[in-house]
């Protein structure tokens, strides 16, 4: 079933990441980490569906998406970047394979952090964040989504990694991508669940490094 939902408000969280709050249909439920197919309710765009993750929680009164805008792609996210309150989106039913399976380490690259936002918010609301840790890699400091919220929720278990510039704030600088040696240095326990989400090259590299370092392939949770 496709729902036509009015946008209630929008705001840019970073220079290219937009938060969109929508009406929520009665009885619409999903699990933290799940996504859905979304299209813009305008002529020429209704069939252009793209997957986006819910960053609200299932018992919230509204739906929320946190979406990275790619203005140079001349596509759906560029159009989403122009949407305002009063416009509407076409939203399908929920789906997704990233689901919380217990305390572990979360590895995110850029906008790949979005499935983890609802998971952390849900655990935080329940007081069950425990020793969950997020290693969040971005090219520059201005790219970091919800840095203050992650710091507030996770404290020292939020490891903010910057790869393309030396950060001025509290962050780990890596000259290039996170590699196997970095993971070996940061992770003391490879007998735990690992949650991985980012661009495909990031996912493939992290999964390979984790397996080589002794992680159980069955404990690797990622979007299939």
N, C-alpha and C. Protein backbone atom coordinates (compact mmCIF):
# COMPACT_ATOMS: atom_id res chain seq x y z
N UNK A 1 0.85 -1.20 0.00
CA UNK A 1 0.00 0.00 0.00
C UNK A 1 0.88 1.25 0.00
N UNK A 2 0.52 2.21 -0.81
CA UNK A 2 1.25 3.47 -0.89
C UNK A 2 0.46 4.57 -0.18
N UNK A 3 1.13 5.30 0.68
CA UNK A 3 0.50 6.37 1.45
C UNK A 3 0.96 7.73 0.90
N UNK A 4 0.01 8.63 0.69
CA UNK A 4 0.33 10.00 0.30
C UNK A 4 0.36 10.85 1.56
N UNK A 5 1.55 11.33 1.93
CA UNK A 5 1.74 11.97 3.22
C UNK A 5 2.25 13.39 3.07
N UNK A 6 1.60 14.31 3.76
CA UNK A 6 1.98 15.71 3.70
C UNK A 6 3.21 15.98 4.55
N UNK A 7 4.10 16.81 4.02
CA UNK A 7 5.28 17.24 4.77
C UNK A 7 4.87 18.31 5.76
N UNK A 8 5.23 18.12 7.04
CA UNK A 8 4.88 19.06 8.09
C UNK A 8 5.96 20.11 8.29
N UNK A 9 7.22 19.69 8.21
CA UNK A 9 8.33 20.65 8.32
C UNK A 9 9.61 20.03 7.79
N UNK A 10 10.54 20.89 7.39
CA UNK A 10 11.85 20.44 6.92
C UNK A 10 12.92 21.34 7.53
N UNK A 11 14.14 20.79 7.61
CA UNK A 11 15.29 21.60 8.03
C UNK A 11 16.56 20.90 7.56
N UNK A 12 17.59 21.67 7.28
CA UNK A 12 18.88 21.11 6.93
C UNK A 12 19.69 20.89 8.21
N UNK A 13 20.13 19.65 8.42
CA UNK A 13 20.95 19.31 9.58
C UNK A 13 22.42 19.58 9.31
N UNK A 14 22.83 19.42 8.05
CA UNK A 14 24.17 19.79 7.59
C UNK A 14 23.98 20.53 6.27
N UNK A 15 25.09 20.84 5.62
CA UNK A 15 25.00 21.56 4.34
C UNK A 15 24.29 20.75 3.27
N UNK A 16 24.23 19.40 3.42
CA UNK A 16 23.59 18.59 2.37
C UNK A 16 22.77 17.43 2.93
N UNK A 17 22.34 17.52 4.18
CA UNK A 17 21.48 16.50 4.78
C UNK A 17 20.23 17.19 5.32
N UNK A 18 19.08 16.71 4.85
CA UNK A 18 17.81 17.35 5.17
C UNK A 18 16.93 16.43 6.02
N UNK A 19 16.37 16.99 7.07
CA UNK A 19 15.39 16.30 7.90
C UNK A 19 13.99 16.65 7.41
N UNK A 20 13.17 15.61 7.18
CA UNK A 20 11.80 15.82 6.70
C UNK A 20 10.83 15.14 7.66
N UNK A 21 9.91 15.91 8.20
CA UNK A 21 8.88 15.37 9.09
C UNK A 21 7.55 15.32 8.35
N UNK A 22 6.89 14.17 8.44
CA UNK A 22 5.66 13.91 7.67
C UNK A 22 4.51 13.49 8.57
N UNK A 23 3.32 13.60 8.02
CA UNK A 23 2.17 12.97 8.65
C UNK A 23 2.43 11.47 8.77
N UNK A 24 1.78 10.85 9.75
CA UNK A 24 1.93 9.40 9.92
C UNK A 24 0.56 8.72 9.80
N UNK A 25 0.44 7.72 8.94
CA UNK A 25 -0.85 7.02 8.81
C UNK A 25 -1.19 6.26 10.09
N UNK A 26 -2.47 6.14 10.38
CA UNK A 26 -2.91 5.35 11.54
C UNK A 26 -2.43 3.91 11.38
N UNK A 27 -1.87 3.38 12.47
CA UNK A 27 -1.47 1.97 12.47
C UNK A 27 -0.19 1.66 11.72
N UNK A 28 0.51 2.68 11.25
CA UNK A 28 1.74 2.46 10.49
C UNK A 28 2.88 2.14 11.46
N UNK A 29 3.46 0.94 11.35
CA UNK A 29 4.48 0.50 12.29
C UNK A 29 5.73 0.01 11.57
N UNK A 30 6.86 0.16 12.22
CA UNK A 30 8.13 -0.30 11.67
C UNK A 30 9.10 -0.52 12.82
N UNK A 31 10.18 -1.21 12.54
CA UNK A 31 11.21 -1.45 13.54
C UNK A 31 12.37 -0.49 13.33
N UNK A 32 13.04 -0.05 14.41
CA UNK A 32 14.21 0.81 14.25
C UNK A 32 15.24 0.17 13.32
N UNK A 33 15.70 0.95 12.34
CA UNK A 33 16.64 0.44 11.35
C UNK A 33 16.00 0.12 10.02
N UNK A 34 14.66 0.02 10.00
CA UNK A 34 13.98 -0.30 8.75
C UNK A 34 13.85 0.92 7.85
N UNK A 35 13.57 0.63 6.57
CA UNK A 35 13.44 1.67 5.55
C UNK A 35 12.14 1.46 4.78
N UNK A 36 11.93 2.31 3.79
CA UNK A 36 10.79 2.16 2.89
C UNK A 36 11.13 2.83 1.56
N UNK A 37 10.30 2.57 0.56
CA UNK A 37 10.46 3.25 -0.72
C UNK A 37 9.67 4.56 -0.70
N UNK A 38 10.31 5.62 -1.19
CA UNK A 38 9.70 6.95 -1.16
C UNK A 38 9.78 7.58 -2.54
N UNK A 39 8.71 8.25 -2.93
CA UNK A 39 8.70 9.02 -4.18
C UNK A 39 8.09 10.39 -3.91
N UNK A 40 8.39 11.33 -4.78
CA UNK A 40 7.85 12.69 -4.66
C UNK A 40 6.49 12.74 -5.35
N UNK A 41 5.53 13.32 -4.68
CA UNK A 41 4.17 13.37 -5.22
C UNK A 41 4.01 14.57 -6.16
N UNK A 42 4.77 14.51 -7.27
CA UNK A 42 4.68 15.53 -8.30
C UNK A 42 4.80 14.86 -9.66
N UNK A 43 4.18 15.44 -10.67
CA UNK A 43 4.23 14.87 -12.01
C UNK A 43 5.68 14.68 -12.46
N UNK A 44 5.94 13.52 -13.01
CA UNK A 44 7.27 13.20 -13.49
C UNK A 44 8.16 12.55 -12.45
N UNK A 45 7.70 12.52 -11.20
CA UNK A 45 8.54 11.96 -10.12
C UNK A 45 7.86 10.84 -9.35
N UNK A 46 6.58 10.60 -9.60
CA UNK A 46 5.83 9.63 -8.78
C UNK A 46 6.33 8.20 -8.92
N UNK A 47 6.93 7.86 -10.04
CA UNK A 47 7.44 6.50 -10.24
C UNK A 47 8.91 6.38 -9.87
N UNK A 48 9.54 7.49 -9.50
CA UNK A 48 10.97 7.48 -9.15
C UNK A 48 11.15 7.19 -7.66
N UNK A 49 11.01 5.91 -7.31
CA UNK A 49 11.09 5.52 -5.90
C UNK A 49 12.55 5.33 -5.47
N UNK A 50 12.83 5.74 -4.23
CA UNK A 50 14.15 5.55 -3.66
C UNK A 50 14.01 5.06 -2.22
N UNK A 51 14.94 4.23 -1.74
CA UNK A 51 14.86 3.74 -0.36
C UNK A 51 15.43 4.76 0.63
N UNK A 52 14.67 5.03 1.68
CA UNK A 52 15.14 5.88 2.77
C UNK A 52 14.76 5.25 4.10
N UNK A 53 15.60 5.48 5.10
CA UNK A 53 15.43 4.89 6.43
C UNK A 53 14.64 5.83 7.34
N UNK A 54 13.75 5.25 8.12
CA UNK A 54 13.05 6.04 9.14
C UNK A 54 14.04 6.45 10.23
N UNK A 55 14.04 7.71 10.59
CA UNK A 55 14.85 8.13 11.74
C UNK A 55 13.97 8.51 12.93
N UNK A 56 12.67 8.45 12.73
CA UNK A 56 11.73 8.55 13.86
C UNK A 56 11.54 7.15 14.44
N UNK A 57 10.78 7.05 15.52
CA UNK A 57 10.46 5.76 16.13
C UNK A 57 9.01 5.41 15.86
N UNK A 58 8.69 4.13 15.95
CA UNK A 58 7.38 3.68 15.52
C UNK A 58 6.25 4.25 16.37
N UNK A 59 6.55 4.63 17.64
CA UNK A 59 5.49 5.19 18.48
C UNK A 59 5.46 6.71 18.47
N UNK A 60 6.30 7.35 17.62
CA UNK A 60 6.22 8.80 17.45
C UNK A 60 4.92 9.16 16.71
N UNK A 61 4.49 10.39 16.88
CA UNK A 61 3.24 10.84 16.24
C UNK A 61 3.43 11.16 14.75
N UNK A 62 4.67 11.35 14.33
CA UNK A 62 4.96 11.69 12.94
C UNK A 62 6.06 10.76 12.41
N UNK A 63 6.24 10.77 11.09
CA UNK A 63 7.34 10.06 10.46
C UNK A 63 8.47 11.04 10.19
N UNK A 64 9.70 10.55 10.24
CA UNK A 64 10.85 11.40 9.95
C UNK A 64 11.85 10.64 9.09
N UNK A 65 12.37 11.32 8.09
CA UNK A 65 13.49 10.82 7.29
C UNK A 65 14.64 11.82 7.38
N UNK A 66 15.85 11.31 7.34
CA UNK A 66 17.05 12.15 7.31
C UNK A 66 17.78 11.79 6.03
N UNK A 67 17.80 12.70 5.06
CA UNK A 67 18.17 12.37 3.68
C UNK A 67 19.33 13.22 3.19
N UNK A 68 20.33 12.55 2.64
CA UNK A 68 21.46 13.26 2.04
C UNK A 68 21.06 13.72 0.64
N UNK A 69 21.31 14.99 0.36
CA UNK A 69 20.94 15.60 -0.91
C UNK A 69 22.16 15.60 -1.84
N UNK A 70 21.96 15.11 -3.06
CA UNK A 70 23.02 15.10 -4.07
C UNK A 70 22.63 16.05 -5.21
N UNK A 71 22.92 17.33 -5.09
CA UNK A 71 22.45 18.30 -6.08
C UNK A 71 23.04 18.11 -7.47
N UNK A 72 24.20 17.46 -7.55
CA UNK A 72 24.82 17.30 -8.87
C UNK A 72 24.31 16.08 -9.61
N UNK A 73 23.41 15.30 -9.00
CA UNK A 73 22.90 14.09 -9.66
C UNK A 73 21.66 14.37 -10.51
N UNK A 74 21.10 15.57 -10.39
CA UNK A 74 19.90 15.94 -11.16
C UNK A 74 18.81 14.88 -10.99
N UNK A 75 18.57 14.48 -9.75
CA UNK A 75 17.64 13.38 -9.52
C UNK A 75 16.72 13.61 -8.35
N UNK A 76 16.32 12.49 -7.72
CA UNK A 76 15.30 12.52 -6.68
C UNK A 76 15.75 13.34 -5.47
N UNK A 77 16.97 13.10 -4.98
CA UNK A 77 17.36 13.83 -3.76
C UNK A 77 17.51 15.32 -4.02
N UNK A 78 17.92 15.69 -5.24
CA UNK A 78 17.97 17.12 -5.55
C UNK A 78 16.58 17.74 -5.44
N UNK A 79 15.57 17.02 -5.94
CA UNK A 79 14.19 17.51 -5.84
C UNK A 79 13.71 17.53 -4.39
N UNK A 80 14.09 16.51 -3.62
CA UNK A 80 13.71 16.48 -2.20
C UNK A 80 14.31 17.68 -1.47
N UNK A 81 15.50 18.07 -1.88
CA UNK A 81 16.14 19.24 -1.27
C UNK A 81 15.34 20.51 -1.45
N UNK A 82 14.46 20.55 -2.45
CA UNK A 82 13.65 21.74 -2.73
C UNK A 82 12.27 21.69 -2.07
N UNK A 83 11.90 20.52 -1.50
CA UNK A 83 10.57 20.38 -0.93
C UNK A 83 10.41 21.19 0.35
N UNK A 84 9.18 21.61 0.59
CA UNK A 84 8.87 22.41 1.77
C UNK A 84 7.62 21.87 2.45
N UNK A 85 7.30 22.39 3.61
CA UNK A 85 6.06 22.03 4.30
C UNK A 85 4.87 22.29 3.37
N UNK A 86 3.95 21.33 3.32
CA UNK A 86 2.80 21.43 2.43
C UNK A 86 2.93 20.55 1.20
N UNK A 87 4.17 20.27 0.77
CA UNK A 87 4.37 19.30 -0.29
C UNK A 87 4.10 17.91 0.27
N UNK A 88 4.11 16.88 -0.58
CA UNK A 88 3.84 15.54 -0.08
C UNK A 88 4.74 14.50 -0.74
N UNK A 89 4.90 13.39 -0.04
CA UNK A 89 5.67 12.25 -0.51
C UNK A 89 4.78 11.02 -0.58
N UNK A 90 5.15 10.10 -1.45
CA UNK A 90 4.47 8.81 -1.55
C UNK A 90 5.33 7.79 -0.82
N UNK A 91 4.77 7.17 0.22
CA UNK A 91 5.55 6.30 1.11
C UNK A 91 4.96 4.90 1.11
N UNK A 92 5.80 3.90 0.84
CA UNK A 92 5.37 2.50 0.82
C UNK A 92 5.38 1.91 2.23
N UNK A 93 5.20 0.59 2.28
CA UNK A 93 5.26 -0.13 3.56
C UNK A 93 6.73 -0.34 3.96
N UNK A 94 7.00 -0.55 5.24
CA UNK A 94 8.38 -0.71 5.71
C UNK A 94 9.01 -2.03 5.28
N UNK A 95 10.34 -2.01 5.19
CA UNK A 95 11.13 -3.22 4.94
C UNK A 95 12.55 -2.95 5.45
N UNK A 96 13.39 -3.95 5.41
CA UNK A 96 14.78 -3.73 5.79
C UNK A 96 15.36 -4.87 6.59
N UNK A 97 16.67 -5.06 6.48
CA UNK A 97 17.34 -6.17 7.15
C UNK A 97 18.26 -5.72 8.27
N UNK A 98 18.44 -4.42 8.46
CA UNK A 98 19.25 -3.97 9.59
C UNK A 98 18.35 -3.90 10.82
N UNK A 99 18.60 -4.79 11.75
CA UNK A 99 17.78 -4.87 12.96
C UNK A 99 18.69 -5.10 14.15
N UNK A 100 18.36 -4.51 15.27
CA UNK A 100 19.19 -4.62 16.47
C UNK A 100 19.19 -6.05 16.99
N UNK A 101 20.39 -6.62 17.14
CA UNK A 101 20.53 -8.01 17.58
C UNK A 101 21.32 -8.11 18.88
N UNK A 102 21.47 -6.98 19.55
CA UNK A 102 22.21 -7.00 20.80
C UNK A 102 23.39 -6.05 20.78
N UNK A 103 23.94 -5.82 21.96
CA UNK A 103 25.01 -4.84 22.14
C UNK A 103 26.21 -5.16 21.25
N UNK A 104 26.72 -4.13 20.56
CA UNK A 104 27.84 -4.36 19.66
C UNK A 104 28.45 -3.08 19.15
N UNK A 105 29.15 -3.21 18.03
CA UNK A 105 29.86 -2.08 17.43
C UNK A 105 29.19 -1.71 16.11
N UNK A 106 28.94 -0.41 15.95
CA UNK A 106 28.31 0.11 14.74
C UNK A 106 29.35 0.86 13.93
N UNK A 107 29.49 0.50 12.65
CA UNK A 107 30.42 1.16 11.75
C UNK A 107 29.61 1.84 10.65
N UNK A 108 29.72 3.16 10.56
CA UNK A 108 28.93 3.92 9.59
C UNK A 108 29.81 4.79 8.73
N UNK A 109 29.49 4.85 7.45
CA UNK A 109 30.16 5.75 6.54
C UNK A 109 29.18 6.76 5.98
N UNK A 110 29.37 8.05 6.30
CA UNK A 110 28.52 9.11 5.76
C UNK A 110 27.05 8.90 6.07
N UNK A 111 26.21 9.04 5.04
CA UNK A 111 24.76 8.92 5.22
C UNK A 111 24.33 7.50 5.57
N UNK A 112 25.28 6.56 5.53
CA UNK A 112 24.97 5.20 5.96
C UNK A 112 24.62 5.10 7.44
N UNK A 113 24.83 6.18 8.18
CA UNK A 113 24.49 6.16 9.60
C UNK A 113 22.98 6.17 9.84
N UNK A 114 22.19 6.51 8.82
CA UNK A 114 20.76 6.74 9.07
C UNK A 114 20.02 5.54 9.68
N UNK A 115 20.29 4.27 9.30
CA UNK A 115 19.58 3.18 9.98
C UNK A 115 19.90 3.09 11.47
N UNK A 116 21.07 3.60 11.85
CA UNK A 116 21.49 3.51 13.24
C UNK A 116 20.86 4.60 14.10
N UNK A 117 20.39 5.68 13.48
CA UNK A 117 19.82 6.80 14.25
C UNK A 117 18.62 6.33 15.06
N UNK A 118 17.68 5.64 14.41
CA UNK A 118 16.48 5.18 15.12
C UNK A 118 16.83 4.10 16.13
N UNK A 119 17.80 3.24 15.81
CA UNK A 119 18.21 2.19 16.76
C UNK A 119 18.74 2.83 18.03
N UNK A 120 19.63 3.80 17.90
CA UNK A 120 20.20 4.46 19.09
C UNK A 120 19.14 5.26 19.84
N UNK A 121 18.27 5.95 19.10
CA UNK A 121 17.22 6.73 19.78
C UNK A 121 16.30 5.81 20.56
N UNK A 122 15.98 4.65 20.01
CA UNK A 122 15.10 3.69 20.68
C UNK A 122 15.77 3.15 21.94
N UNK A 123 17.03 2.76 21.83
CA UNK A 123 17.75 2.24 23.00
C UNK A 123 17.92 3.33 24.06
N UNK A 124 18.19 4.57 23.62
CA UNK A 124 18.36 5.68 24.55
C UNK A 124 17.06 5.95 25.31
N UNK A 125 15.96 5.92 24.60
CA UNK A 125 14.66 6.17 25.23
C UNK A 125 14.35 5.09 26.27
N UNK A 126 14.78 3.87 25.99
CA UNK A 126 14.54 2.75 26.91
C UNK A 126 15.59 2.67 28.02
N UNK A 127 16.65 3.48 27.92
CA UNK A 127 17.74 3.38 28.88
C UNK A 127 18.57 2.13 28.70
N UNK A 128 18.68 1.64 27.45
CA UNK A 128 19.34 0.37 27.18
C UNK A 128 20.51 0.50 26.20
N UNK A 129 21.15 1.68 26.16
CA UNK A 129 22.27 1.85 25.23
C UNK A 129 23.48 1.03 25.63
N UNK A 130 23.65 0.79 26.93
CA UNK A 130 24.74 -0.06 27.39
C UNK A 130 26.09 0.37 26.85
N UNK A 131 26.83 -0.59 26.33
CA UNK A 131 28.18 -0.31 25.83
C UNK A 131 28.23 -0.28 24.31
N UNK A 132 27.07 -0.09 23.66
CA UNK A 132 27.07 0.04 22.20
C UNK A 132 27.98 1.19 21.79
N UNK A 133 28.73 0.97 20.72
CA UNK A 133 29.72 1.94 20.26
C UNK A 133 29.50 2.25 18.79
N UNK A 134 29.63 3.53 18.43
CA UNK A 134 29.53 3.97 17.04
C UNK A 134 30.86 4.53 16.57
N UNK A 135 31.40 3.96 15.50
CA UNK A 135 32.53 4.56 14.78
C UNK A 135 31.97 5.13 13.49
N UNK A 136 32.00 6.46 13.38
CA UNK A 136 31.29 7.17 12.30
C UNK A 136 32.32 7.91 11.45
N UNK A 137 32.47 7.48 10.20
CA UNK A 137 33.48 8.06 9.31
C UNK A 137 32.86 9.04 8.32
N UNK A 138 33.46 10.24 8.22
CA UNK A 138 33.04 11.25 7.27
C UNK A 138 34.27 11.91 6.65
N UNK A 139 34.07 12.52 5.50
CA UNK A 139 35.20 13.18 4.83
C UNK A 139 35.63 14.44 5.57
N UNK A 140 34.65 15.27 5.97
CA UNK A 140 34.97 16.53 6.64
C UNK A 140 34.06 16.72 7.86
N UNK A 141 34.42 17.65 8.72
CA UNK A 141 33.62 17.90 9.92
C UNK A 141 32.21 18.37 9.58
N UNK A 142 32.07 19.14 8.51
CA UNK A 142 30.74 19.66 8.17
C UNK A 142 29.81 18.57 7.66
N UNK A 143 30.35 17.39 7.36
CA UNK A 143 29.53 16.28 6.87
C UNK A 143 28.91 15.46 8.00
N UNK A 144 29.32 15.66 9.24
CA UNK A 144 28.88 14.79 10.33
C UNK A 144 27.43 15.08 10.70
N UNK A 145 26.59 14.06 10.56
CA UNK A 145 25.16 14.17 10.85
C UNK A 145 24.93 13.96 12.35
N UNK A 146 24.19 14.86 12.98
CA UNK A 146 23.74 14.71 14.37
C UNK A 146 24.90 14.44 15.35
N UNK A 147 26.01 15.12 15.14
CA UNK A 147 27.19 14.90 15.99
C UNK A 147 26.87 15.12 17.46
N UNK A 148 26.18 16.21 17.78
CA UNK A 148 25.89 16.52 19.19
C UNK A 148 24.97 15.48 19.82
N UNK A 149 23.99 15.01 19.04
CA UNK A 149 23.06 14.01 19.58
C UNK A 149 23.79 12.68 19.84
N UNK A 150 24.65 12.27 18.91
CA UNK A 150 25.42 11.04 19.13
C UNK A 150 26.32 11.17 20.35
N UNK A 151 26.94 12.32 20.51
CA UNK A 151 27.81 12.53 21.67
C UNK A 151 27.01 12.48 22.96
N UNK A 152 25.83 13.10 22.94
CA UNK A 152 24.99 13.10 24.14
C UNK A 152 24.54 11.69 24.50
N UNK A 153 24.15 10.91 23.50
CA UNK A 153 23.63 9.56 23.75
C UNK A 153 24.74 8.58 24.13
N UNK A 154 25.87 8.65 23.40
CA UNK A 154 26.89 7.60 23.50
C UNK A 154 28.12 8.00 24.30
N UNK A 155 28.33 9.29 24.52
CA UNK A 155 29.50 9.74 25.26
C UNK A 155 30.79 9.30 24.57
N UNK A 156 31.69 8.69 25.34
CA UNK A 156 32.97 8.26 24.79
C UNK A 156 32.83 7.09 23.82
N UNK A 157 31.66 6.50 23.76
CA UNK A 157 31.43 5.39 22.82
C UNK A 157 31.04 5.90 21.42
N UNK A 158 31.13 7.20 21.23
CA UNK A 158 30.98 7.79 19.90
C UNK A 158 32.37 8.18 19.41
N UNK A 159 32.84 7.49 18.37
CA UNK A 159 34.16 7.77 17.81
C UNK A 159 33.95 8.42 16.45
N UNK A 160 34.24 9.71 16.40
CA UNK A 160 34.01 10.54 15.22
C UNK A 160 35.30 10.57 14.39
N UNK A 161 35.23 10.00 13.18
CA UNK A 161 36.42 9.85 12.34
C UNK A 161 36.31 10.77 11.12
N UNK A 162 37.33 11.58 10.89
CA UNK A 162 37.39 12.47 9.73
C UNK A 162 38.56 12.04 8.84
N UNK A 163 38.30 11.92 7.53
CA UNK A 163 39.31 11.32 6.65
C UNK A 163 39.94 12.27 5.63
N UNK A 164 39.33 13.42 5.36
CA UNK A 164 39.84 14.27 4.28
C UNK A 164 40.39 15.62 4.74
N UNK A 165 40.32 15.88 6.04
CA UNK A 165 40.88 17.13 6.57
C UNK A 165 41.20 16.92 8.04
N UNK A 166 42.12 17.69 8.56
CA UNK A 166 42.43 17.60 9.98
C UNK A 166 41.34 18.35 10.76
N UNK A 167 40.62 17.64 11.63
CA UNK A 167 39.51 18.28 12.34
C UNK A 167 39.98 19.29 13.37
N UNK A 168 39.16 20.31 13.58
CA UNK A 168 39.45 21.30 14.61
C UNK A 168 38.80 20.91 15.93
N UNK A 169 37.76 20.06 15.84
CA UNK A 169 37.05 19.66 17.04
C UNK A 169 37.52 18.30 17.55
N UNK A 170 36.65 17.68 18.34
CA UNK A 170 36.97 16.40 18.96
C UNK A 170 36.69 15.27 17.97
N UNK A 171 37.72 14.81 17.28
CA UNK A 171 37.55 13.76 16.29
C UNK A 171 38.89 13.09 16.03
N UNK A 172 38.82 11.87 15.50
CA UNK A 172 40.01 11.13 15.09
C UNK A 172 40.28 11.46 13.63
N UNK A 173 41.51 11.85 13.31
CA UNK A 173 41.85 12.13 11.91
C UNK A 173 42.56 10.93 11.30
N UNK A 174 42.06 10.49 10.15
CA UNK A 174 42.71 9.45 9.37
C UNK A 174 42.99 10.01 7.98
N UNK A 175 44.20 9.88 7.53
CA UNK A 175 44.54 10.35 6.19
C UNK A 175 44.14 9.27 5.18
N UNK A 176 42.86 9.28 4.81
CA UNK A 176 42.32 8.25 3.92
C UNK A 176 41.26 7.43 4.64
N UNK A 177 40.92 6.28 4.07
CA UNK A 177 39.83 5.46 4.59
C UNK A 177 40.21 4.75 5.89
N UNK A 178 39.18 4.38 6.65
CA UNK A 178 39.40 3.48 7.78
C UNK A 178 39.95 2.17 7.23
N UNK A 179 41.00 1.65 7.85
CA UNK A 179 41.59 0.42 7.35
C UNK A 179 41.62 -0.65 8.44
N UNK A 180 42.18 -1.78 8.09
CA UNK A 180 42.21 -2.92 9.01
C UNK A 180 42.99 -2.59 10.28
N UNK A 181 44.11 -1.88 10.14
CA UNK A 181 44.92 -1.53 11.31
C UNK A 181 44.15 -0.62 12.26
N UNK A 182 43.38 0.32 11.69
CA UNK A 182 42.58 1.21 12.53
C UNK A 182 41.56 0.42 13.33
N UNK A 183 40.87 -0.51 12.66
CA UNK A 183 39.86 -1.32 13.36
C UNK A 183 40.52 -2.17 14.44
N UNK A 184 41.65 -2.74 14.13
CA UNK A 184 42.36 -3.57 15.12
C UNK A 184 42.74 -2.74 16.35
N UNK A 185 43.09 -1.48 16.11
CA UNK A 185 43.47 -0.59 17.21
C UNK A 185 42.27 -0.17 18.05
N UNK A 186 41.11 -0.03 17.42
CA UNK A 186 39.92 0.49 18.10
C UNK A 186 39.09 -0.60 18.77
N UNK A 187 39.17 -1.82 18.27
CA UNK A 187 38.26 -2.88 18.72
C UNK A 187 39.04 -3.92 19.53
N UNK A 188 38.60 -4.15 20.76
CA UNK A 188 39.26 -5.14 21.61
C UNK A 188 38.52 -6.48 21.61
N UNK A 189 37.24 -6.45 21.24
CA UNK A 189 36.42 -7.67 21.29
C UNK A 189 35.80 -7.93 19.92
N UNK A 190 36.24 -9.00 19.28
CA UNK A 190 35.66 -9.34 17.97
C UNK A 190 34.58 -10.40 18.08
N UNK A 191 34.23 -10.75 19.32
CA UNK A 191 33.16 -11.71 19.57
C UNK A 191 31.90 -10.95 20.01
N UNK A 192 31.40 -10.11 19.12
CA UNK A 192 30.20 -9.31 19.38
C UNK A 192 29.53 -9.02 18.05
N UNK A 193 28.28 -8.57 18.06
CA UNK A 193 27.65 -8.17 16.80
C UNK A 193 28.32 -6.94 16.22
N UNK A 194 28.41 -6.90 14.90
CA UNK A 194 28.91 -5.73 14.18
C UNK A 194 27.85 -5.28 13.19
N UNK A 195 27.54 -4.00 13.22
CA UNK A 195 26.54 -3.41 12.34
C UNK A 195 27.28 -2.50 11.36
N UNK A 196 27.09 -2.72 10.07
CA UNK A 196 27.86 -1.99 9.06
C UNK A 196 26.91 -1.35 8.05
N UNK A 197 27.07 -0.05 7.82
CA UNK A 197 26.25 0.60 6.80
C UNK A 197 26.97 1.84 6.25
N UNK A 198 27.05 1.91 4.94
CA UNK A 198 27.67 3.04 4.26
C UNK A 198 27.63 2.79 2.77
N UNK A 199 28.40 3.52 1.99
CA UNK A 199 28.49 3.24 0.56
C UNK A 199 29.02 1.82 0.35
N UNK A 200 28.69 1.20 -0.79
CA UNK A 200 29.05 -0.19 -1.02
C UNK A 200 30.55 -0.48 -0.84
N UNK A 201 31.46 0.37 -1.35
CA UNK A 201 32.89 0.08 -1.13
C UNK A 201 33.25 0.07 0.36
N UNK A 202 32.64 0.96 1.14
CA UNK A 202 32.85 1.00 2.59
C UNK A 202 32.37 -0.31 3.22
N UNK A 203 31.14 -0.72 2.87
CA UNK A 203 30.58 -1.95 3.44
C UNK A 203 31.47 -3.15 3.14
N UNK A 204 31.87 -3.28 1.87
CA UNK A 204 32.67 -4.44 1.47
C UNK A 204 34.01 -4.46 2.19
N UNK A 205 34.64 -3.29 2.31
CA UNK A 205 35.94 -3.22 2.98
C UNK A 205 35.81 -3.55 4.47
N UNK A 206 34.82 -2.95 5.15
CA UNK A 206 34.65 -3.19 6.58
C UNK A 206 34.34 -4.65 6.87
N UNK A 207 33.48 -5.27 6.06
CA UNK A 207 33.12 -6.67 6.28
C UNK A 207 34.34 -7.56 6.11
N UNK A 208 35.14 -7.27 5.10
CA UNK A 208 36.33 -8.08 4.85
C UNK A 208 37.34 -7.92 6.00
N UNK A 209 37.57 -6.67 6.43
CA UNK A 209 38.50 -6.43 7.54
C UNK A 209 38.04 -7.15 8.81
N UNK A 210 36.74 -7.05 9.11
CA UNK A 210 36.22 -7.66 10.33
C UNK A 210 36.38 -9.17 10.31
N UNK A 211 36.10 -9.79 9.17
CA UNK A 211 36.28 -11.24 9.06
C UNK A 211 37.75 -11.62 9.25
N UNK A 212 38.65 -10.84 8.63
CA UNK A 212 40.08 -11.13 8.75
C UNK A 212 40.57 -10.98 10.19
N UNK A 213 39.91 -10.11 10.95
CA UNK A 213 40.30 -9.86 12.34
C UNK A 213 39.63 -10.83 13.32
N UNK A 214 38.80 -11.72 12.80
CA UNK A 214 38.24 -12.76 13.64
C UNK A 214 36.77 -12.64 13.97
N UNK A 215 36.07 -11.67 13.39
CA UNK A 215 34.63 -11.54 13.66
C UNK A 215 33.88 -12.72 13.04
N UNK A 216 32.85 -13.16 13.72
CA UNK A 216 32.00 -14.24 13.22
C UNK A 216 31.14 -13.69 12.08
N UNK A 217 31.24 -14.27 10.87
CA UNK A 217 30.41 -13.79 9.75
C UNK A 217 28.92 -13.75 10.09
N UNK A 218 28.47 -14.63 10.98
CA UNK A 218 27.05 -14.65 11.36
C UNK A 218 26.68 -13.47 12.24
N UNK A 219 27.69 -12.80 12.79
CA UNK A 219 27.44 -11.65 13.67
C UNK A 219 27.57 -10.33 12.94
N UNK A 220 27.72 -10.36 11.61
CA UNK A 220 27.83 -9.15 10.82
C UNK A 220 26.44 -8.80 10.29
N UNK A 221 25.95 -7.63 10.67
CA UNK A 221 24.60 -7.20 10.31
C UNK A 221 24.71 -6.02 9.35
N UNK A 222 24.11 -6.18 8.16
CA UNK A 222 24.22 -5.15 7.14
C UNK A 222 22.99 -5.22 6.24
N UNK A 223 22.79 -4.17 5.45
CA UNK A 223 21.65 -4.14 4.53
C UNK A 223 21.95 -5.02 3.34
N UNK A 224 21.11 -6.07 3.15
CA UNK A 224 21.36 -7.02 2.05
C UNK A 224 20.64 -6.59 0.79
